[in-house]
Amino acid sequence: MAYDEDLADRIRGLMAGEKGFAEKKMFGGLAFLIGGNMAVAASGQGGILVRVDPAASEKLVSTTKAHPMVMRGRAMDGWLRVDTEHVREKRQLARWVERGVKYARSLPVKT
């Protein structure tokens, strides 16, 4: 499944003007990076991937509609999936994009 281009456009609109912003195809979708670090991606499996502080992963999974990203059968701390139906509204998507951008900004810039 290809990533949702409309969703990618919505993410792009929310991130426009961010310093160090870039896009890159990865994880079967389109990732949006800040300073070379992934913040959020329009997933090829639908919905979005969001990169968050690993220490916050468990709490976010238990208090939001996010679930852990699973790669090769293993849940990845700091990487969350949010299904399409939970990012349909601008405010829903904006909250996740803000979380991803905040965490990406906390990481060293990749050159």
PDB file of N, CA and C in Angstrom:
ATOM      1  N   MET A   1       0.839  -1.182   0.000  1.00  0.00           N
ATOM      2  CA  MET A   1       0.000   0.000   0.000  1.00  0.00           C
ATOM      3  C   MET A   1       0.887   1.250   0.000  1.00  0.00           C
ATOM      4  N   ALA A   2       0.610   2.176  -0.865  1.00  0.00           N
ATOM      5  CA  ALA A   2       1.346   3.442  -0.908  1.00  0.00           C
ATOM      6  C   ALA A   2       0.823   4.348   0.199  1.00  0.00           C
ATOM      7  N   TYR A   3       1.661   5.275   0.631  1.00  0.00           N
ATOM      8  CA  TYR A   3       1.220   6.208   1.664  1.00  0.00           C
ATOM      9  C   TYR A   3       0.124   7.122   1.125  1.00  0.00           C
ATOM     10  N   ASP A   4      -0.667   7.666   2.020  1.00  0.00           N
ATOM     11  CA  ASP A   4      -1.777   8.558   1.695  1.00  0.00           C
ATOM     12  C   ASP A   4      -1.207   9.939   1.355  1.00  0.00           C
ATOM     13  N   GLU A   5      -1.279  10.312   0.092  1.00  0.00           N
ATOM     14  CA  GLU A   5      -0.696  11.581  -0.350  1.00  0.00           C
ATOM     15  C   GLU A   5      -1.415  12.786   0.233  1.00  0.00           C
ATOM     16  N   ASP A   6      -2.727  12.672   0.464  1.00  0.00           N
ATOM     17  CA  ASP A   6      -3.470  13.765   1.085  1.00  0.00           C
ATOM     18  C   ASP A   6      -2.979  13.972   2.520  1.00  0.00           C
ATOM     19  N   LEU A   7      -2.787  12.876   3.236  1.00  0.00           N
ATOM     20  CA  LEU A   7      -2.267  12.953   4.602  1.00  0.00           C
ATOM     21  C   LEU A   7      -0.866  13.565   4.594  1.00  0.00           C
ATOM     22  N   ALA A   8      -0.036  13.154   3.645  1.00  0.00           N
ATOM     23  CA  ALA A   8       1.315  13.719   3.535  1.00  0.00           C
ATOM     24  C   ALA A   8       1.245  15.227   3.285  1.00  0.00           C
ATOM     25  N   ASP A   9       0.317  15.663   2.449  1.00  0.00           N
ATOM     26  CA  ASP A   9       0.156  17.097   2.187  1.00  0.00           C
ATOM     27  C   ASP A   9      -0.271  17.846   3.450  1.00  0.00           C
ATOM     28  N   ARG A  10      -1.134  17.227   4.243  1.00  0.00           N
ATOM     29  CA  ARG A  10      -1.582  17.848   5.487  1.00  0.00           C
ATOM     30  C   ARG A  10      -0.423  17.981   6.470  1.00  0.00           C
ATOM     31  N   ILE A  11       0.402  16.944   6.558  1.00  0.00           N
ATOM     32  CA  ILE A  11       1.581  17.005   7.433  1.00  0.00           C
ATOM     33  C   ILE A  11       2.522  18.094   6.934  1.00  0.00           C
ATOM     34  N   ARG A  12       2.768  18.114   5.644  1.00  0.00           N
ATOM     35  CA  ARG A  12       3.660  19.107   5.033  1.00  0.00           C
ATOM     36  C   ARG A  12       3.175  20.519   5.374  1.00  0.00           C
ATOM     37  N   GLY A  13       1.877  20.739   5.287  1.00  0.00           N
ATOM     38  CA  GLY A  13       1.310  22.047   5.603  1.00  0.00           C
ATOM     39  C   GLY A  13       1.545  22.443   7.056  1.00  0.00           C
ATOM     40  N   LEU A  14       1.461  21.486   7.953  1.00  0.00           N
ATOM     41  CA  LEU A  14       1.690  21.759   9.371  1.00  0.00           C
ATOM     42  C   LEU A  14       3.164  22.026   9.674  1.00  0.00           C
ATOM     43  N   MET A  15       4.047  21.448   8.878  1.00  0.00           N
ATOM     44  CA  MET A  15       5.479  21.583   9.143  1.00  0.00           C
ATOM     45  C   MET A  15       6.157  22.665   8.301  1.00  0.00           C
ATOM     46  N   ALA A  16       5.412  23.251   7.381  1.00  0.00           N
ATOM     47  CA  ALA A  16       5.984  24.292   6.520  1.00  0.00           C
ATOM     48  C   ALA A  16       6.594  25.395   7.375  1.00  0.00           C
ATOM     49  N   GLY A  17       7.784  25.798   7.022  1.00  0.00           N
ATOM     50  CA  GLY A  17       8.457  26.874   7.741  1.00  0.00           C
ATOM     51  C   GLY A  17       9.318  26.408   8.904  1.00  0.00           C
ATOM     52  N   GLU A  18       9.253  25.119   9.248  1.00  0.00           N
ATOM     53  CA  GLU A  18      10.097  24.606  10.335  1.00  0.00           C
ATOM     54  C   GLU A  18      11.558  24.637   9.885  1.00  0.00           C
ATOM     55  N   LYS A  19      12.432  25.120  10.732  1.00  0.00           N
ATOM     56  CA  LYS A  19      13.858  25.160  10.421  1.00  0.00           C
ATOM     57  C   LYS A  19      14.396  23.731  10.325  1.00  0.00           C
ATOM     58  N   GLY A  20      15.175  23.446   9.279  1.00  0.00           N
ATOM     59  CA  GLY A  20      15.777  22.126   9.103  1.00  0.00           C
ATOM     60  C   GLY A  20      14.822  21.081   8.563  1.00  0.00           C
ATOM     61  N   PHE A  21      13.698  21.516   7.998  1.00  0.00           N
ATOM     62  CA  PHE A  21      12.672  20.609   7.473  1.00  0.00           C
ATOM     63  C   PHE A  21      13.126  19.938   6.180  1.00  0.00           C
ATOM     64  N   ALA A  22      12.860  18.646   6.074  1.00  0.00           N
ATOM     65  CA  ALA A  22      13.142  17.893   4.845  1.00  0.00           C
ATOM     66  C   ALA A  22      12.170  16.723   4.765  1.00  0.00           C
ATOM     67  N   GLU A  23      12.057  16.155   3.580  1.00  0.00           N
ATOM     68  CA  GLU A  23      11.222  14.977   3.349  1.00  0.00           C
ATOM     69  C   GLU A  23      12.099  13.874   2.784  1.00  0.00           C
ATOM     70  N   LYS A  24      11.748  12.632   3.123  1.00  0.00           N
ATOM     71  CA  LYS A  24      12.529  11.500   2.633  1.00  0.00           C
ATOM     72  C   LYS A  24      11.642  10.265   2.617  1.00  0.00           C
ATOM     73  N   LYS A  25      11.701   9.522   1.527  1.00  0.00           N
ATOM     74  CA  LYS A  25      10.959   8.272   1.482  1.00  0.00           C
ATOM     75  C   LYS A  25      11.675   7.245   2.350  1.00  0.00           C
ATOM     76  N   MET A  26      10.942   6.674   3.306  1.00  0.00           N
ATOM     77  CA  MET A  26      11.486   5.644   4.179  1.00  0.00           C
ATOM     78  C   MET A  26      10.343   4.915   4.879  1.00  0.00           C
ATOM     79  N   PHE A  27      10.610   3.733   5.369  1.00  0.00           N
ATOM     80  CA  PHE A  27       9.604   2.899   6.045  1.00  0.00           C
ATOM     81  C   PHE A  27       8.380   2.673   5.159  1.00  0.00           C
ATOM     82  N   GLY A  28       8.558   2.657   3.857  1.00  0.00           N
ATOM     83  CA  GLY A  28       7.437   2.443   2.950  1.00  0.00           C
ATOM     84  C   GLY A  28       6.489   3.619   2.877  1.00  0.00           C
ATOM     85  N   GLY A  29       6.912   4.769   3.375  1.00  0.00           N
ATOM     86  CA  GLY A  29       6.069   5.954   3.361  1.00  0.00           C
ATOM     87  C   GLY A  29       6.904   7.184   3.078  1.00  0.00           C
ATOM     88  N   LEU A  30       6.393   8.319   3.502  1.00  0.00           N
ATOM     89  CA  LEU A  30       7.097   9.578   3.323  1.00  0.00           C
ATOM     90  C   LEU A  30       7.349  10.177   4.693  1.00  0.00           C
ATOM     91  N   ALA A  31       8.633  10.273   5.060  1.00  0.00           N
ATOM     92  CA  ALA A  31       9.024  10.788   6.363  1.00  0.00           C
ATOM     93  C   ALA A  31       9.295  12.281   6.272  1.00  0.00           C
ATOM     94  N   PHE A  32       8.969  12.959   7.362  1.00  0.00           N
ATOM     95  CA  PHE A  32       9.214  14.388   7.492  1.00  0.00           C
ATOM     96  C   PHE A  32      10.222  14.552   8.614  1.00  0.00           C
ATOM     97  N   LEU A  33      11.343  15.188   8.281  1.00  0.00           N
ATOM     98  CA  LEU A  33      12.474  15.272   9.195  1.00  0.00           C
ATOM     99  C   LEU A  33      12.754  16.699   9.623  1.00  0.00           C
ATOM    100  N   ILE A  34      13.315  16.813  10.808  1.00  0.00           N
ATOM    101  CA  ILE A  34      13.805  18.085  11.333  1.00  0.00           C
ATOM    102  C   ILE A  34      15.263  17.840  11.706  1.00  0.00           C
ATOM    103  N   GLY A  35      16.152  18.588  11.097  1.00  0.00           N
ATOM    104  CA  GLY A  35      17.572  18.420  11.388  1.00  0.00           C
ATOM    105  C   GLY A  35      18.076  17.021  11.084  1.00  0.00           C
ATOM    106  N   GLY A  36      17.476  16.369  10.091  1.00  0.00           N
ATOM    107  CA  GLY A  36      17.887  15.026   9.709  1.00  0.00           C
ATOM    108  C   GLY A  36      17.284  13.918  10.554  1.00  0.00           C
ATOM    109  N   ASN A  37      16.467  14.264  11.546  1.00  0.00           N
ATOM    110  CA  ASN A  37      15.820  13.284  12.418  1.00  0.00           C
ATOM    111  C   ASN A  37      14.335  13.198  12.087  1.00  0.00           C
ATOM    112  N   MET A  38      13.834  11.974  11.932  1.00  0.00           N
ATOM    113  CA  MET A  38      12.423  11.814  11.612  1.00  0.00           C
ATOM    114  C   MET A  38      11.559  12.320  12.755  1.00  0.00           C
ATOM    115  N   ALA A  39      10.550  13.112  12.400  1.00  0.00           N
ATOM    116  CA  ALA A  39       9.569  13.603  13.366  1.00  0.00           C
ATOM    117  C   ALA A  39       8.275  12.814  13.212  1.00  0.00           C
ATOM    118  N   VAL A  40       7.823  12.690  11.979  1.00  0.00           N
ATOM    119  CA  VAL A  40       6.556  12.028  11.672  1.00  0.00           C
ATOM    120  C   VAL A  40       6.616  11.531  10.229  1.00  0.00           C
ATOM    121  N   ALA A  41       5.794  10.531   9.913  1.00  0.00           N
ATOM    122  CA  ALA A  41       5.762  10.015   8.543  1.00  0.00           C
ATOM    123  C   ALA A  41       4.342   9.620   8.172  1.00  0.00           C
ATOM    124  N   ALA A  42       4.009   9.824   6.918  1.00  0.00           N
ATOM    125  CA  ALA A  42       2.786   9.257   6.348  1.00  0.00           C
ATOM    126  C   ALA A  42       3.163   7.819   6.017  1.00  0.00           C
ATOM    127  N   SER A  43       2.550   6.878   6.708  1.00  0.00           N
ATOM    128  CA  SER A  43       2.950   5.476   6.616  1.00  0.00           C
ATOM    129  C   SER A  43       2.381   4.778   5.391  1.00  0.00           C
ATOM    130  N   GLY A  44       3.171   3.904   4.821  1.00  0.00           N
ATOM    131  CA  GLY A  44       2.718   3.068   3.720  1.00  0.00           C
ATOM    132  C   GLY A  44       1.694   2.032   4.174  1.00  0.00           C
ATOM    133  N   GLN A  45       1.553   1.858   5.487  1.00  0.00           N
ATOM    134  CA  GLN A  45       0.569   0.936   6.051  1.00  0.00           C
ATOM    135  C   GLN A  45      -0.689   1.669   6.499  1.00  0.00           C
ATOM    136  N   GLY A  46      -0.761   2.946   6.188  1.00  0.00           N
ATOM    137  CA  GLY A  46      -1.888   3.770   6.598  1.00  0.00           C
ATOM    138  C   GLY A  46      -1.567   4.520   7.871  1.00  0.00           C
ATOM    139  N   GLY A  47      -2.219   5.637   8.061  1.00  0.00           N
ATOM    140  CA  GLY A  47      -1.991   6.447   9.247  1.00  0.00           C
ATOM    141  C   GLY A  47      -0.607   7.062   9.260  1.00  0.00           C
ATOM    142  N   ILE A  48      -0.132   7.333  10.478  1.00  0.00           N
ATOM    143  CA  ILE A  48       1.165   7.982  10.620  1.00  0.00           C
ATOM    144  C   ILE A  48       2.064   7.220  11.586  1.00  0.00           C
ATOM    145  N   LEU A  49       3.352   7.455  11.433  1.00  0.00           N
ATOM    146  CA  LEU A  49       4.358   7.048  12.405  1.00  0.00           C
ATOM    147  C   LEU A  49       4.823   8.333  13.069  1.00  0.00           C
ATOM    148  N   VAL A  50       5.008   8.291  14.366  1.00  0.00           N
ATOM    149  CA  VAL A  50       5.474   9.459  15.097  1.00  0.00           C
ATOM    150  C   VAL A  50       6.648   9.044  15.958  1.00  0.00           C
ATOM    151  N   ARG A  51       7.687   9.839  15.928  1.00  0.00           N
ATOM    152  CA  ARG A  51       8.836   9.577  16.783  1.00  0.00           C
ATOM    153  C   ARG A  51       8.699  10.435  18.036  1.00  0.00           C
ATOM    154  N   VAL A  52       8.740   9.775  19.195  1.00  0.00           N
ATOM    155  CA  VAL A  52       8.578  10.461  20.478  1.00  0.00           C
ATOM    156  C   VAL A  52       9.690  10.030  21.420  1.00  0.00           C
ATOM    157  N   ASP A  53       9.797  10.709  22.529  1.00  0.00           N
ATOM    158  CA  ASP A  53      10.757  10.323  23.553  1.00  0.00           C
ATOM    159  C   ASP A  53      10.439   8.891  23.989  1.00  0.00           C
ATOM    160  N   PRO A  54      11.403   7.971  23.908  1.00  0.00           N
ATOM    161  CA  PRO A  54      11.138   6.585  24.302  1.00  0.00           C
ATOM    162  C   PRO A  54      10.568   6.451  25.716  1.00  0.00           C
ATOM    163  N   ALA A  55      10.969   7.345  26.613  1.00  0.00           N
ATOM    164  CA  ALA A  55      10.462   7.300  27.985  1.00  0.00           C
ATOM    165  C   ALA A  55       8.967   7.623  28.055  1.00  0.00           C
ATOM    166  N   ALA A  56       8.433   8.273  27.035  1.00  0.00           N
ATOM    167  CA  ALA A  56       7.017   8.644  27.005  1.00  0.00           C
ATOM    168  C   ALA A  56       6.155   7.637  26.250  1.00  0.00           C
ATOM    169  N   SER A  57       6.777   6.683  25.572  1.00  0.00           N
ATOM    170  CA  SER A  57       6.033   5.741  24.722  1.00  0.00           C
ATOM    171  C   SER A  57       4.907   5.021  25.461  1.00  0.00           C
ATOM    172  N   GLU A  58       5.248   4.404  26.575  1.00  0.00           N
ATOM    173  CA  GLU A  58       4.262   3.599  27.301  1.00  0.00           C
ATOM    174  C   GLU A  58       3.067   4.442  27.745  1.00  0.00           C
ATOM    175  N   LYS A  59       3.339   5.634  28.262  1.00  0.00           N
ATOM    176  CA  LYS A  59       2.252   6.508  28.710  1.00  0.00           C
ATOM    177  C   LYS A  59       1.379   6.936  27.532  1.00  0.00           C
ATOM    178  N   LEU A  60       1.982   7.303  26.413  1.00  0.00           N
ATOM    179  CA  LEU A  60       1.207   7.714  25.246  1.00  0.00           C
ATOM    180  C   LEU A  60       0.345   6.567  24.719  1.00  0.00           C
ATOM    181  N   VAL A  61       0.870   5.356  24.749  1.00  0.00           N
ATOM    182  CA  VAL A  61       0.089   4.196  24.297  1.00  0.00           C
ATOM    183  C   VAL A  61      -1.116   3.978  25.217  1.00  0.00           C
ATOM    184  N   SER A  62      -0.933   4.202  26.504  1.00  0.00           N
ATOM    185  CA  SER A  62      -2.028   3.947  27.446  1.00  0.00           C
ATOM    186  C   SER A  62      -3.028   5.103  27.541  1.00  0.00           C
ATOM    187  N   THR A  63      -2.655   6.308  27.082  1.00  0.00           N
ATOM    188  CA  THR A  63      -3.546   7.463  27.239  1.00  0.00           C
ATOM    189  C   THR A  63      -4.048   8.062  25.932  1.00  0.00           C
ATOM    190  N   THR A  64      -3.596   7.520  24.796  1.00  0.00           N
ATOM    191  CA  THR A  64      -4.027   8.045  23.489  1.00  0.00           C
ATOM    192  C   THR A  64      -4.437   6.868  22.598  1.00  0.00           C
ATOM    193  N   LYS A  65      -4.722   7.176  21.364  1.00  0.00           N
ATOM    194  CA  LYS A  65      -5.093   6.139  20.384  1.00  0.00           C
ATOM    195  C   LYS A  65      -3.875   5.562  19.662  1.00  0.00           C
ATOM    196  N   ALA A  66      -2.678   5.915  20.112  1.00  0.00           N
ATOM    197  CA  ALA A  66      -1.447   5.403  19.484  1.00  0.00           C
ATOM    198  C   ALA A  66      -1.165   3.979  19.946  1.00  0.00           C
ATOM    199  N   HIS A  67      -0.424   3.271  19.128  1.00  0.00           N
ATOM    200  CA  HIS A  67       0.070   1.949  19.514  1.00  0.00           C
ATOM    201  C   HIS A  67       1.514   1.840  19.050  1.00  0.00           C
ATOM    202  N   PRO A  68       2.277   0.935  19.669  1.00  0.00           N
ATOM    203  CA  PRO A  68       3.696   0.838  19.329  1.00  0.00           C
ATOM    204  C   PRO A  68       3.912   0.427  17.871  1.00  0.00           C
ATOM    205  N   MET A  69       4.942   0.981  17.275  1.00  0.00           N
ATOM    206  CA  MET A  69       5.359   0.517  15.952  1.00  0.00           C
ATOM    207  C   MET A  69       6.068  -0.818  16.169  1.00  0.00           C
ATOM    208  N   VAL A  70       5.708  -1.796  15.376  1.00  0.00           N
ATOM    209  CA  VAL A  70       6.334  -3.115  15.488  1.00  0.00           C
ATOM    210  C   VAL A  70       7.161  -3.352  14.233  1.00  0.00           C
ATOM    211  N   MET A  71       8.434  -3.677  14.445  1.00  0.00           N
ATOM    212  CA  MET A  71       9.329  -3.971  13.330  1.00  0.00           C
ATOM    213  C   MET A  71       9.971  -5.331  13.594  1.00  0.00           C
ATOM    214  N   ARG A  72       9.829  -6.226  12.620  1.00  0.00           N
ATOM    215  CA  ARG A  72      10.360  -7.593  12.741  1.00  0.00           C
ATOM    216  C   ARG A  72       9.878  -8.277  14.019  1.00  0.00           C
ATOM    217  N   GLY A  73       8.593  -8.047  14.338  1.00  0.00           N
ATOM    218  CA  GLY A  73       7.979  -8.692  15.483  1.00  0.00           C
ATOM    219  C   GLY A  73       8.287  -8.064  16.828  1.00  0.00           C
ATOM    220  N   ARG A  74       8.985  -6.933  16.823  1.00  0.00           N
ATOM    221  CA  ARG A  74       9.398  -6.302  18.072  1.00  0.00           C
ATOM    222  C   ARG A  74       8.876  -4.868  18.156  1.00  0.00           C
ATOM    223  N   ALA A  75       8.232  -4.530  19.279  1.00  0.00           N
ATOM    224  CA  ALA A  75       7.766  -3.158  19.504  1.00  0.00           C
ATOM    225  C   ALA A  75       8.971  -2.250  19.681  1.00  0.00           C
ATOM    226  N   MET A  76       8.918  -1.102  19.068  1.00  0.00           N
ATOM    227  CA  MET A  76      10.036  -0.159  19.094  1.00  0.00           C
ATOM    228  C   MET A  76       9.687   1.034  19.989  1.00  0.00           C
ATOM    229  N   ASP A  77      10.344   1.144  21.147  1.00  0.00           N
ATOM    230  CA  ASP A  77      10.128   2.295  22.029  1.00  0.00           C
ATOM    231  C   ASP A  77      10.485   3.577  21.287  1.00  0.00           C
ATOM    232  N   GLY A  78       9.659   4.582  21.455  1.00  0.00           N
ATOM    233  CA  GLY A  78       9.917   5.872  20.825  1.00  0.00           C
ATOM    234  C   GLY A  78       9.334   6.003  19.434  1.00  0.00           C
ATOM    235  N   TRP A  79       8.719   4.944  18.938  1.00  0.00           N
ATOM    236  CA  TRP A  79       8.114   4.964  17.600  1.00  0.00           C
ATOM    237  C   TRP A  79       6.669   4.494  17.748  1.00  0.00           C
ATOM    238  N   LEU A  80       5.727   5.377  17.413  1.00  0.00           N
ATOM    239  CA  LEU A  80       4.315   5.065  17.581  1.00  0.00           C
ATOM    240  C   LEU A  80       3.571   5.136  16.257  1.00  0.00           C
ATOM    241  N   ARG A  81       2.531   4.327  16.156  1.00  0.00           N
ATOM    242  CA  ARG A  81       1.613   4.358  15.020  1.00  0.00           C
ATOM    243  C   ARG A  81       0.306   4.973  15.475  1.00  0.00           C
ATOM    244  N   VAL A  82      -0.264   5.786  14.622  1.00  0.00           N
ATOM    245  CA  VAL A  82      -1.588   6.341  14.880  1.00  0.00           C
ATOM    246  C   VAL A  82      -2.395   6.094  13.608  1.00  0.00           C
ATOM    247  N   ASP A  83      -3.498   5.374  13.762  1.00  0.00           N
ATOM    248  CA  ASP A  83      -4.328   5.012  12.609  1.00  0.00           C
ATOM    249  C   ASP A  83      -5.004   6.242  11.998  1.00  0.00           C
ATOM    250  N   THR A  84      -5.324   6.128  10.724  1.00  0.00           N
ATOM    251  CA  THR A  84      -5.915   7.220   9.951  1.00  0.00           C
ATOM    252  C   THR A  84      -7.123   7.845  10.630  1.00  0.00           C
ATOM    253  N   GLU A  85      -8.009   7.022  11.189  1.00  0.00           N
ATOM    254  CA  GLU A  85      -9.222   7.590  11.778  1.00  0.00           C
ATOM    255  C   GLU A  85      -8.950   8.487  12.984  1.00  0.00           C
ATOM    256  N   HIS A  86      -7.750   8.422  13.531  1.00  0.00           N
ATOM    257  CA  HIS A  86      -7.409   9.245  14.691  1.00  0.00           C
ATOM    258  C   HIS A  86      -6.601  10.486  14.327  1.00  0.00           C
ATOM    259  N   VAL A  87      -6.432  10.737  13.030  1.00  0.00           N
ATOM    260  CA  VAL A  87      -5.752  11.962  12.576  1.00  0.00           C
ATOM    261  C   VAL A  87      -6.539  12.635  11.449  1.00  0.00           C
ATOM    262  N   ARG A  88      -7.832  12.366  11.398  1.00  0.00           N
ATOM    263  CA  ARG A  88      -8.668  12.970  10.353  1.00  0.00           C
ATOM    264  C   ARG A  88      -8.843  14.477  10.546  1.00  0.00           C
ATOM    265  N   GLU A  89      -8.979  14.901  11.805  1.00  0.00           N
ATOM    266  CA  GLU A  89      -9.168  16.321  12.093  1.00  0.00           C
ATOM    267  C   GLU A  89      -7.815  17.009  12.218  1.00  0.00           C
ATOM    268  N   LYS A  90      -7.786  18.267  11.808  1.00  0.00           N
ATOM    269  CA  LYS A  90      -6.527  19.021  11.837  1.00  0.00           C
ATOM    270  C   LYS A  90      -5.918  19.043  13.236  1.00  0.00           C
ATOM    271  N   ARG A  91      -6.734  19.254  14.257  1.00  0.00           N
ATOM    272  CA  ARG A  91      -6.206  19.342  15.617  1.00  0.00           C
ATOM    273  C   ARG A  91      -5.609  18.022  16.076  1.00  0.00           C
ATOM    274  N   GLN A  92      -6.205  16.895  15.644  1.00  0.00           N
ATOM    275  CA  GLN A  92      -5.664  15.579  16.001  1.00  0.00           C
ATOM    276  C   GLN A  92      -4.277  15.400  15.386  1.00  0.00           C
ATOM    277  N   LEU A  93      -4.191  15.669  14.093  1.00  0.00           N
ATOM    278  CA  LEU A  93      -2.919  15.520  13.394  1.00  0.00           C
ATOM    279  C   LEU A  93      -1.888  16.500  13.937  1.00  0.00           C
ATOM    280  N   ALA A  94      -2.304  17.741  14.172  1.00  0.00           N
ATOM    281  CA  ALA A  94      -1.378  18.775  14.650  1.00  0.00           C
ATOM    282  C   ALA A  94      -0.738  18.370  15.977  1.00  0.00           C
ATOM    283  N   ARG A  95      -1.508  17.754  16.866  1.00  0.00           N
ATOM    284  CA  ARG A  95      -0.965  17.333  18.155  1.00  0.00           C
ATOM    285  C   ARG A  95       0.170  16.330  17.975  1.00  0.00           C
ATOM    286  N   TRP A  96      -0.034  15.363  17.073  1.00  0.00           N
ATOM    287  CA  TRP A  96       1.003  14.345  16.843  1.00  0.00           C
ATOM    288  C   TRP A  96       2.214  14.941  16.133  1.00  0.00           C
ATOM    289  N   VAL A  97       1.967  15.820  15.165  1.00  0.00           N
ATOM    290  CA  VAL A  97       3.081  16.466  14.466  1.00  0.00           C
ATOM    291  C   VAL A  97       3.906  17.284  15.462  1.00  0.00           C
ATOM    292  N   GLU A  98       3.240  18.007  16.349  1.00  0.00           N
ATOM    293  CA  GLU A  98       3.952  18.797  17.364  1.00  0.00           C
ATOM    294  C   GLU A  98       4.812  17.904  18.253  1.00  0.00           C
ATOM    295  N   ARG A  99       4.281  16.755  18.659  1.00  0.00           N
ATOM    296  CA  ARG A  99       5.067  15.828  19.491  1.00  0.00           C
ATOM    297  C   ARG A  99       6.315  15.351  18.748  1.00  0.00           C
ATOM    298  N   GLY A 100       6.114  14.965  17.491  1.00  0.00           N
ATOM    299  CA  GLY A 100       7.237  14.479  16.696  1.00  0.00           C
ATOM    300  C   GLY A 100       8.291  15.543  16.456  1.00  0.00           C
ATOM    301  N   VAL A 101       7.851  16.747  16.139  1.00  0.00           N
ATOM    302  CA  VAL A 101       8.788  17.854  15.899  1.00  0.00           C
ATOM    303  C   VAL A 101       9.554  18.180  17.178  1.00  0.00           C
ATOM    304  N   LYS A 102       8.849  18.217  18.291  1.00  0.00           N
ATOM    305  CA  LYS A 102       9.509  18.520  19.569  1.00  0.00           C
ATOM    306  C   LYS A 102      10.609  17.509  19.865  1.00  0.00           C
ATOM    307  N   TYR A 103      10.319  16.225  19.663  1.00  0.00           N
ATOM    308  CA  TYR A 103      11.339  15.224  19.952  1.00  0.00           C
ATOM    309  C   TYR A 103      12.489  15.304  18.942  1.00  0.00           C
ATOM    310  N   ALA A 104      12.172  15.457  17.665  1.00  0.00           N
ATOM    311  CA  ALA A 104      13.228  15.553  16.645  1.00  0.00           C
ATOM    312  C   ALA A 104      14.154  16.725  16.934  1.00  0.00           C
ATOM    313  N   ARG A 105      13.594  17.842  17.409  1.00  0.00           N
ATOM    314  CA  ARG A 105      14.402  19.017  17.746  1.00  0.00           C
ATOM    315  C   ARG A 105      15.320  18.760  18.942  1.00  0.00           C
ATOM    316  N   SER A 106      14.950  17.818  19.796  1.00  0.00           N
ATOM    317  CA  SER A 106      15.770  17.528  20.985  1.00  0.00           C
ATOM    318  C   SER A 106      17.001  16.684  20.655  1.00  0.00           C
ATOM    319  N   LEU A 107      17.048  16.133  19.456  1.00  0.00           N
ATOM    320  CA  LEU A 107      18.150  15.256  19.052  1.00  0.00           C
ATOM    321  C   LEU A 107      19.241  16.056  18.354  1.00  0.00           C
ATOM    322  N   PRO A 108      20.478  15.560  18.368  1.00  0.00           N
ATOM    323  CA  PRO A 108      21.551  16.245  17.629  1.00  0.00           C
ATOM    324  C   PRO A 108      21.233  16.282  16.137  1.00  0.00           C
ATOM    325  N   VAL A 109      21.545  17.392  15.508  1.00  0.00           N
ATOM    326  CA  VAL A 109      21.339  17.541  14.074  1.00  0.00           C
ATOM    327  C   VAL A 109      22.258  16.583  13.337  1.00  0.00           C
ATOM    328  N   LYS A 110      21.697  15.898  12.343  1.00  0.00           N
ATOM    329  CA  LYS A 110      22.507  14.994  11.505  1.00  0.00           C
ATOM    330  C   LYS A 110      22.983  15.782  10.304  1.00  0.00           C
ATOM    331  N   THR A 111      24.247  15.610   9.961  1.00  0.00           N
ATOM    332  CA  THR A 111      24.786  16.333   8.806  1.00  0.00           C
ATOM    333  C   THR A 111      25.093  15.403   7.666  1.00  0.00           C
TER     334      THR A 111
END
